[in-house]
Amino acid sequence: MSAAIEYCDREIAKCKDMIRTWPHERACLNRLINGWQRTKQQLQSSMVKKNL
């Protein structure tokens, strides 16, 4: 697994942790989580394309 994908995983975990701390910011943090998940998916698909 690449370092970039691991970084995305860490950022997603941080956002989920922040939701527990600041539940009133859930909507904003969920948008951040969606962005990190999209970035992770793009990284994974580009890795698959390179391996073909």
Protein backbone atom coordinates (compact mmCIF):
# COMPACT_ATOMS: atom_id res chain seq x y z
CA MET A 1 0.00 0.00 0.00
CA SER A 2 1.34 3.37 -0.90
CA ALA A 3 2.17 6.06 1.60
CA ALA A 4 -0.44 8.33 0.01
CA ILE A 5 -3.22 5.80 0.61
CA GLU A 6 -2.07 5.33 4.21
CA TYR A 7 -2.13 9.12 4.63
CA CYS A 8 -5.73 9.21 3.37
CA ASP A 9 -6.66 6.50 5.88
CA ARG A 10 -5.10 8.51 8.72
CA GLU A 11 -6.93 11.68 7.70
CA ILE A 12 -10.25 9.81 7.49
CA ALA A 13 -9.65 8.41 10.98
CA LYS A 14 -8.82 11.89 12.30
CA CYS A 15 -12.05 13.29 10.87
CA LYS A 16 -14.09 10.47 12.41
CA ASP A 17 -12.42 11.16 15.75
CA MET A 18 -13.19 14.88 15.43
CA ILE A 19 -16.88 14.06 14.89
CA ARG A 20 -16.89 12.48 18.35
CA THR A 21 -15.26 15.58 19.82
CA TRP A 22 -17.27 18.17 17.86
CA PRO A 23 -20.57 16.55 16.84
CA HIS A 24 -21.99 19.91 15.76
CA GLU A 25 -19.39 19.96 12.94
CA ARG A 26 -20.55 16.59 11.58
CA ALA A 27 -21.71 17.93 8.18
CA CYS A 28 -18.39 19.65 7.45
CA LEU A 29 -16.31 16.70 8.65
CA ASN A 30 -18.39 14.27 6.58
CA ARG A 31 -17.59 16.35 3.49
CA LEU A 32 -13.90 16.09 4.37
CA ILE A 33 -14.23 12.32 4.84
CA ASN A 34 -15.93 12.01 1.45
CA GLY A 35 -13.11 13.99 -0.14
CA TRP A 36 -10.42 11.83 1.42
CA GLN A 37 -12.29 8.67 0.38
CA ARG A 38 -12.56 9.98 -3.20
CA THR A 39 -8.84 10.80 -3.21
CA LYS A 40 -8.02 7.33 -1.90
CA GLN A 41 -10.18 5.73 -4.57
CA GLN A 42 -8.47 7.75 -7.31
CA LEU A 43 -5.05 6.75 -6.00
CA GLN A 44 -6.04 3.09 -5.92
CA SER A 45 -7.46 3.17 -9.45
CA SER A 46 -4.34 4.88 -10.79
CA MET A 47 -2.18 2.21 -9.13
CA VAL A 48 -4.26 -0.54 -10.81
CA LYS A 49 -3.91 1.17 -14.21
CA LYS A 50 -0.13 1.36 -13.80
CA ASN A 51 0.02 -2.37 -12.99
CA LEU A 52 -1.85 -3.34 -16.19
